[in-house]
Each structure stands twice: as C-alpha cells, then as structure tokens.
Amino acid sequence: MNYIIISAKIIIFIAIINVWFFRFNKKTPYRGGDASSMKTEFASYGLSESMVYLIGALKVLSALSLIVSIWVPVLALPAAAVMVILMLGAIIMHFRIDDSLTKSLPAFIFLLLSMLIIYYSY
C-alpha cells in the first residue's frame, strides 16, 4: 500500500505543477466555462485575479508538501487535507457555472487521491 500512497503523492504533485506552471496560459479541456487561461477561468467563476495567485500558491505548496511527506511523513495529513478543501472548492466552482462533469474530473480524481492519503496517514 505504501507504493500506492507514494504514487498518489507523485501524481498530484506532477499534475499541480503542470497546470500551474506549464499550462497556466493555455486552453485545456478541463478549464471552467470557455476559459483559455487560468486567469480567465477564475474570472468565469467570479473570482478576482488575486484569488488566482492565492489558490495557486496553496495548491503548489500543498503539492510540494505531499512530495516532501514521502520523507517527512508528518506533512502528509495537513497537505492532503488542504488539497481536499481546494479540490472540493474546484468541484463546487465547476458546478456553479454548469460545467460538464468532464471538466470536474481532474479535481475529483485529486480529491479521491488526497482522501486516500489522509486515510492511510492515520
């Protein structure tokens, strides 16, 4: 089971870094509404540009903490808990603007992986 939890941490880390650093200004099939970048996605949710950077910082910090928790296990629970909250928020935002379920799929997967990490962190 340890390898599954490590894999979950690595998957979340790679995906979050990819979205927030490499795909920040690119259109993806999972962007909310008809957004073509992270800023326009947050605007479609009715959120300010400062929220883009606050949420981004929280996601990147949580993802980094999950990776570090492979060697410092005490970080796993708080990092995964923050990720659960952020992913629930993402899912709620997609539903608020009537996005298809497909657009919520990455957030739902990361939510499940984060919950798995929390479960096995006890």
N, C-alpha and C. Protein backbone atom coordinates (compact mmCIF):
# COMPACT_ATOMS: atom_id res chain seq x y z
N MET A 1 0.82 -1.20 0.00
CA MET A 1 0.00 0.00 0.00
C MET A 1 0.87 1.26 0.00
N ASN A 2 2.05 1.15 0.58
CA ASN A 2 2.94 2.31 0.65
C ASN A 2 3.26 2.85 -0.74
N TYR A 3 3.46 1.95 -1.71
CA TYR A 3 3.77 2.40 -3.08
C TYR A 3 2.58 3.11 -3.72
N ILE A 4 1.39 2.70 -3.37
CA ILE A 4 0.19 3.36 -3.91
C ILE A 4 0.09 4.78 -3.37
N ILE A 5 0.35 4.96 -2.09
CA ILE A 5 0.29 6.29 -1.48
C ILE A 5 1.40 7.19 -2.05
N ILE A 6 2.59 6.63 -2.21
CA ILE A 6 3.68 7.41 -2.81
C ILE A 6 3.30 7.79 -4.24
N SER A 7 2.71 6.86 -4.97
CA SER A 7 2.28 7.15 -6.35
C SER A 7 1.23 8.25 -6.37
N ALA A 8 0.28 8.21 -5.44
CA ALA A 8 -0.75 9.25 -5.36
C ALA A 8 -0.12 10.62 -5.12
N LYS A 9 0.85 10.68 -4.24
CA LYS A 9 1.54 11.95 -3.95
C LYS A 9 2.27 12.47 -5.19
N ILE A 10 2.93 11.57 -5.89
CA ILE A 10 3.67 11.97 -7.09
C ILE A 10 2.72 12.43 -8.19
N ILE A 11 1.62 11.71 -8.37
CA ILE A 11 0.63 12.09 -9.40
C ILE A 11 0.07 13.48 -9.12
N ILE A 12 -0.32 13.73 -7.88
CA ILE A 12 -0.86 15.04 -7.52
C ILE A 12 0.19 16.12 -7.75
N PHE A 13 1.42 15.87 -7.30
CA PHE A 13 2.49 16.85 -7.46
C PHE A 13 2.73 17.19 -8.93
N ILE A 14 2.90 16.19 -9.76
CA ILE A 14 3.19 16.42 -11.18
C ILE A 14 2.03 17.17 -11.85
N ALA A 15 0.80 16.76 -11.56
CA ALA A 15 -0.36 17.40 -12.18
C ALA A 15 -0.50 18.86 -11.76
N ILE A 16 -0.33 19.15 -10.49
CA ILE A 16 -0.46 20.53 -10.00
C ILE A 16 0.64 21.41 -10.59
N ILE A 17 1.87 20.93 -10.60
CA ILE A 17 2.97 21.70 -11.17
C ILE A 17 2.73 21.93 -12.66
N ASN A 18 2.25 20.91 -13.36
CA ASN A 18 1.96 21.03 -14.79
C ASN A 18 0.91 22.12 -15.04
N VAL A 19 -0.18 22.07 -14.30
CA VAL A 19 -1.28 23.03 -14.51
C VAL A 19 -0.86 24.46 -14.15
N TRP A 20 -0.19 24.62 -13.03
CA TRP A 20 0.09 25.97 -12.54
C TRP A 20 1.35 26.60 -13.11
N PHE A 21 2.25 25.80 -13.69
CA PHE A 21 3.47 26.38 -14.26
C PHE A 21 3.58 26.23 -15.78
N PHE A 22 3.09 25.13 -16.32
CA PHE A 22 3.26 24.89 -17.75
C PHE A 22 1.99 25.12 -18.58
N ARG A 23 0.83 25.02 -17.95
CA ARG A 23 -0.43 25.21 -18.67
C ARG A 23 -1.22 26.41 -18.19
N PHE A 24 -0.60 27.26 -17.41
CA PHE A 24 -1.26 28.42 -16.81
C PHE A 24 -1.94 29.30 -17.86
N ASN A 25 -1.28 29.53 -18.97
CA ASN A 25 -1.83 30.40 -20.01
C ASN A 25 -2.31 29.63 -21.24
N LYS A 26 -2.64 28.38 -21.05
CA LYS A 26 -3.08 27.55 -22.18
C LYS A 26 -4.50 27.03 -21.96
N LYS A 27 -5.20 26.86 -23.05
CA LYS A 27 -6.54 26.29 -23.01
C LYS A 27 -6.41 24.78 -22.82
N THR A 28 -7.24 24.23 -21.97
CA THR A 28 -7.29 22.77 -21.77
C THR A 28 -8.76 22.35 -21.77
N PRO A 29 -9.03 21.08 -21.97
CA PRO A 29 -10.42 20.62 -21.96
C PRO A 29 -11.07 20.71 -20.57
N TYR A 30 -10.27 20.96 -19.54
CA TYR A 30 -10.80 20.97 -18.18
C TYR A 30 -10.99 22.37 -17.61
N ARG A 31 -10.67 23.40 -18.35
CA ARG A 31 -10.86 24.77 -17.88
C ARG A 31 -12.35 25.07 -17.73
N GLY A 32 -12.67 25.80 -16.68
CA GLY A 32 -14.05 26.17 -16.43
C GLY A 32 -14.61 27.09 -17.50
N GLY A 33 -15.87 26.91 -17.83
CA GLY A 33 -16.52 27.75 -18.83
C GLY A 33 -15.82 27.61 -20.17
N ASP A 34 -15.60 28.73 -20.83
CA ASP A 34 -14.88 28.75 -22.11
C ASP A 34 -13.50 29.37 -21.93
N ALA A 35 -12.94 29.26 -20.75
CA ALA A 35 -11.69 29.92 -20.42
C ALA A 35 -10.52 29.39 -21.26
N SER A 36 -9.62 30.31 -21.57
CA SER A 36 -8.44 29.94 -22.34
C SER A 36 -7.16 30.04 -21.51
N SER A 37 -7.29 30.44 -20.25
CA SER A 37 -6.13 30.54 -19.35
C SER A 37 -6.64 30.43 -17.91
N MET A 38 -5.71 30.33 -16.99
CA MET A 38 -6.09 30.24 -15.58
C MET A 38 -6.82 31.50 -15.13
N LYS A 39 -6.34 32.67 -15.56
CA LYS A 39 -6.97 33.93 -15.15
C LYS A 39 -8.40 34.03 -15.68
N THR A 40 -8.62 33.65 -16.93
CA THR A 40 -9.98 33.72 -17.47
C THR A 40 -10.88 32.65 -16.85
N GLU A 41 -10.28 31.55 -16.45
CA GLU A 41 -11.07 30.52 -15.76
C GLU A 41 -11.58 31.05 -14.43
N PHE A 42 -10.70 31.65 -13.65
CA PHE A 42 -11.12 32.20 -12.36
C PHE A 42 -12.13 33.32 -12.55
N ALA A 43 -11.96 34.12 -13.60
CA ALA A 43 -12.93 35.18 -13.89
C ALA A 43 -14.29 34.57 -14.20
N SER A 44 -14.32 33.43 -14.89
CA SER A 44 -15.61 32.80 -15.19
C SER A 44 -16.30 32.30 -13.92
N TYR A 45 -15.52 32.04 -12.87
CA TYR A 45 -16.10 31.65 -11.58
C TYR A 45 -16.50 32.86 -10.75
N GLY A 46 -16.16 34.05 -11.23
CA GLY A 46 -16.47 35.27 -10.48
C GLY A 46 -15.42 35.59 -9.43
N LEU A 47 -14.21 35.03 -9.59
CA LEU A 47 -13.14 35.26 -8.63
C LEU A 47 -12.12 36.25 -9.18
N SER A 48 -11.48 36.98 -8.29
CA SER A 48 -10.52 38.01 -8.68
C SER A 48 -9.18 37.41 -9.08
N GLU A 49 -8.36 38.24 -9.71
CA GLU A 49 -7.02 37.80 -10.11
C GLU A 49 -6.17 37.46 -8.88
N SER A 50 -6.38 38.17 -7.79
CA SER A 50 -5.61 37.85 -6.59
C SER A 50 -5.95 36.46 -6.06
N MET A 51 -7.18 36.02 -6.28
CA MET A 51 -7.56 34.66 -5.89
C MET A 51 -6.83 33.61 -6.73
N VAL A 52 -6.56 33.94 -7.98
CA VAL A 52 -5.79 33.03 -8.84
C VAL A 52 -4.47 32.70 -8.15
N TYR A 53 -3.77 33.73 -7.70
CA TYR A 53 -2.45 33.53 -7.12
C TYR A 53 -2.51 32.93 -5.72
N LEU A 54 -3.54 33.28 -4.95
CA LEU A 54 -3.70 32.70 -3.62
C LEU A 54 -3.98 31.20 -3.73
N ILE A 55 -4.96 30.83 -4.55
CA ILE A 55 -5.30 29.42 -4.73
C ILE A 55 -4.12 28.67 -5.35
N GLY A 56 -3.48 29.27 -6.32
CA GLY A 56 -2.32 28.65 -6.95
C GLY A 56 -1.21 28.38 -5.94
N ALA A 57 -0.92 29.36 -5.10
CA ALA A 57 0.12 29.20 -4.08
C ALA A 57 -0.24 28.07 -3.12
N LEU A 58 -1.50 28.03 -2.71
CA LEU A 58 -1.94 26.96 -1.79
C LEU A 58 -1.82 25.59 -2.44
N LYS A 59 -2.20 25.49 -3.71
CA LYS A 59 -2.12 24.20 -4.40
C LYS A 59 -0.67 23.76 -4.59
N VAL A 60 0.18 24.68 -5.01
CA VAL A 60 1.59 24.34 -5.22
C VAL A 60 2.26 23.98 -3.89
N LEU A 61 1.99 24.75 -2.85
CA LEU A 61 2.57 24.47 -1.54
C LEU A 61 2.09 23.11 -1.02
N SER A 62 0.83 22.82 -1.20
CA SER A 62 0.30 21.52 -0.77
C SER A 62 0.91 20.38 -1.56
N ALA A 63 1.05 20.57 -2.87
CA ALA A 63 1.65 19.53 -3.71
C ALA A 63 3.11 19.30 -3.32
N LEU A 64 3.84 20.41 -3.08
CA LEU A 64 5.23 20.28 -2.64
C LEU A 64 5.31 19.56 -1.30
N SER A 65 4.41 19.90 -0.40
CA SER A 65 4.39 19.25 0.91
C SER A 65 4.08 17.75 0.79
N LEU A 66 3.22 17.40 -0.16
CA LEU A 66 2.94 15.97 -0.37
C LEU A 66 4.19 15.23 -0.83
N ILE A 67 4.95 15.83 -1.73
CA ILE A 67 6.19 15.19 -2.18
C ILE A 67 7.18 15.07 -1.02
N VAL A 68 7.35 16.14 -0.27
CA VAL A 68 8.28 16.11 0.86
C VAL A 68 7.81 15.10 1.91
N SER A 69 6.50 14.89 2.00
CA SER A 69 5.97 13.96 3.01
C SER A 69 6.38 12.51 2.74
N ILE A 70 6.89 12.23 1.56
CA ILE A 70 7.43 10.89 1.30
C ILE A 70 8.58 10.62 2.27
N TRP A 71 9.35 11.66 2.59
CA TRP A 71 10.48 11.54 3.51
C TRP A 71 10.19 12.12 4.89
N VAL A 72 9.20 13.02 4.96
CA VAL A 72 8.80 13.64 6.24
C VAL A 72 7.29 13.37 6.40
N PRO A 73 6.93 12.18 6.87
CA PRO A 73 5.53 11.75 6.89
C PRO A 73 4.56 12.67 7.63
N VAL A 74 5.04 13.44 8.57
CA VAL A 74 4.15 14.31 9.34
C VAL A 74 3.47 15.37 8.46
N LEU A 75 4.02 15.64 7.30
CA LEU A 75 3.44 16.63 6.38
C LEU A 75 2.26 16.09 5.57
N ALA A 76 2.13 14.78 5.50
CA ALA A 76 1.12 14.17 4.62
C ALA A 76 -0.30 14.59 4.98
N LEU A 77 -0.65 14.48 6.25
CA LEU A 77 -2.02 14.77 6.67
C LEU A 77 -2.43 16.23 6.41
N PRO A 78 -1.66 17.22 6.87
CA PRO A 78 -2.08 18.60 6.59
C PRO A 78 -2.07 18.94 5.10
N ALA A 79 -1.08 18.45 4.37
CA ALA A 79 -1.02 18.76 2.93
C ALA A 79 -2.20 18.15 2.19
N ALA A 80 -2.52 16.91 2.50
CA ALA A 80 -3.66 16.25 1.85
C ALA A 80 -4.98 16.90 2.26
N ALA A 81 -5.08 17.33 3.52
CA ALA A 81 -6.31 17.98 3.98
C ALA A 81 -6.54 19.31 3.24
N VAL A 82 -5.48 20.08 3.05
CA VAL A 82 -5.61 21.33 2.30
C VAL A 82 -6.01 21.02 0.86
N MET A 83 -5.41 19.98 0.28
CA MET A 83 -5.74 19.60 -1.09
C MET A 83 -7.20 19.18 -1.21
N VAL A 84 -7.72 18.46 -0.22
CA VAL A 84 -9.14 18.07 -0.23
C VAL A 84 -10.02 19.31 -0.26
N ILE A 85 -9.73 20.27 0.57
CA ILE A 85 -10.52 21.51 0.63
C ILE A 85 -10.46 22.24 -0.72
N LEU A 86 -9.27 22.35 -1.28
CA LEU A 86 -9.10 23.04 -2.56
C LEU A 86 -9.83 22.31 -3.70
N MET A 87 -9.78 21.00 -3.69
CA MET A 87 -10.43 20.23 -4.76
C MET A 87 -11.96 20.27 -4.60
N LEU A 88 -12.45 20.27 -3.38
CA LEU A 88 -13.89 20.45 -3.17
C LEU A 88 -14.32 21.81 -3.71
N GLY A 89 -13.51 22.83 -3.43
CA GLY A 89 -13.79 24.16 -3.95
C GLY A 89 -13.82 24.19 -5.47
N ALA A 90 -12.87 23.50 -6.09
CA ALA A 90 -12.81 23.46 -7.56
C ALA A 90 -14.05 22.78 -8.13
N ILE A 91 -14.46 21.68 -7.52
CA ILE A 91 -15.65 20.96 -7.99
C ILE A 91 -16.88 21.84 -7.85
N ILE A 92 -17.00 22.52 -6.72
CA ILE A 92 -18.14 23.41 -6.49
C ILE A 92 -18.17 24.52 -7.54
N MET A 93 -17.01 25.10 -7.85
CA MET A 93 -16.96 26.17 -8.86
C MET A 93 -17.39 25.67 -10.23
N HIS A 94 -16.98 24.47 -10.60
CA HIS A 94 -17.41 23.90 -11.89
C HIS A 94 -18.93 23.73 -11.92
N PHE A 95 -19.49 23.26 -10.82
CA PHE A 95 -20.95 23.08 -10.76
C PHE A 95 -21.68 24.42 -10.77
N ARG A 96 -21.11 25.42 -10.11
CA ARG A 96 -21.73 26.75 -10.07
C ARG A 96 -21.95 27.35 -11.45
N ILE A 97 -21.03 27.06 -12.36
CA ILE A 97 -21.16 27.64 -13.70
C ILE A 97 -21.67 26.61 -14.71
N ASP A 98 -22.23 25.53 -14.20
CA ASP A 98 -22.85 24.49 -15.04
C ASP A 98 -21.89 23.85 -16.04
N ASP A 99 -20.65 23.64 -15.63
CA ASP A 99 -19.71 22.90 -16.47
C ASP A 99 -20.13 21.44 -16.55
N SER A 100 -19.68 20.79 -17.60
CA SER A 100 -19.93 19.34 -17.71
C SER A 100 -19.13 18.62 -16.63
N LEU A 101 -19.55 17.41 -16.32
CA LEU A 101 -18.84 16.61 -15.32
C LEU A 101 -17.39 16.35 -15.73
N THR A 102 -17.15 16.26 -17.02
CA THR A 102 -15.79 16.01 -17.52
C THR A 102 -14.81 17.08 -17.04
N LYS A 103 -15.25 18.33 -16.99
CA LYS A 103 -14.36 19.41 -16.58
C LYS A 103 -13.99 19.31 -15.10
N SER A 104 -14.81 18.63 -14.31
CA SER A 104 -14.53 18.44 -12.88
C SER A 104 -13.71 17.18 -12.61
N LEU A 105 -13.49 16.37 -13.63
CA LEU A 105 -12.84 15.08 -13.43
C LEU A 105 -11.46 15.16 -12.78
N PRO A 106 -10.55 16.03 -13.23
CA PRO A 106 -9.25 16.09 -12.55
C PRO A 106 -9.38 16.45 -11.06
N ALA A 107 -10.21 17.42 -10.75
CA ALA A 107 -10.40 17.81 -9.34
C ALA A 107 -10.97 16.65 -8.54
N PHE A 108 -11.88 15.90 -9.13
CA PHE A 108 -12.48 14.76 -8.44
C PHE A 108 -11.43 13.67 -8.20
N ILE A 109 -10.59 13.42 -9.19
CA ILE A 109 -9.53 12.41 -9.03
C ILE A 109 -8.54 12.83 -7.94
N PHE A 110 -8.14 14.11 -7.94
CA PHE A 110 -7.20 14.58 -6.92
C PHE A 110 -7.86 14.58 -5.54
N LEU A 111 -9.16 14.83 -5.49
CA LEU A 111 -9.89 14.74 -4.23
C LEU A 111 -9.82 13.32 -3.68
N LEU A 112 -10.10 12.34 -4.53
CA LEU A 112 -10.06 10.94 -4.10
C LEU A 112 -8.65 10.52 -3.68
N LEU A 113 -7.65 10.91 -4.46
CA LEU A 113 -6.27 10.57 -4.10
C LEU A 113 -5.87 11.21 -2.77
N SER A 114 -6.28 12.45 -2.56
CA SER A 114 -5.97 13.14 -1.30
C SER A 114 -6.66 12.48 -0.12
N MET A 115 -7.90 12.05 -0.33
CA MET A 115 -8.63 11.35 0.74
C MET A 115 -7.96 10.00 1.05
N LEU A 116 -7.46 9.33 0.03
CA LEU A 116 -6.73 8.09 0.24
C LEU A 116 -5.46 8.34 1.07
N ILE A 117 -4.76 9.40 0.75
CA ILE A 117 -3.55 9.76 1.52
C ILE A 117 -3.91 10.03 2.97
N ILE A 118 -5.00 10.76 3.19
CA ILE A 118 -5.44 11.05 4.57
C ILE A 118 -5.77 9.74 5.29
N TYR A 119 -6.51 8.87 4.64
CA TYR A 119 -6.92 7.60 5.26
C TYR A 119 -5.70 6.79 5.70
N TYR A 120 -4.67 6.74 4.86
CA TYR A 120 -3.50 5.94 5.19
C TYR A 120 -2.45 6.71 5.99
N SER A 121 -2.72 7.96 6.31
CA SER A 121 -1.82 8.74 7.15
C SER A 121 -2.10 8.53 8.63
N TYR A 122 -3.21 7.90 8.95
CA TYR A 122 -3.53 7.65 10.36
C TYR A 122 -2.84 6.43 10.87
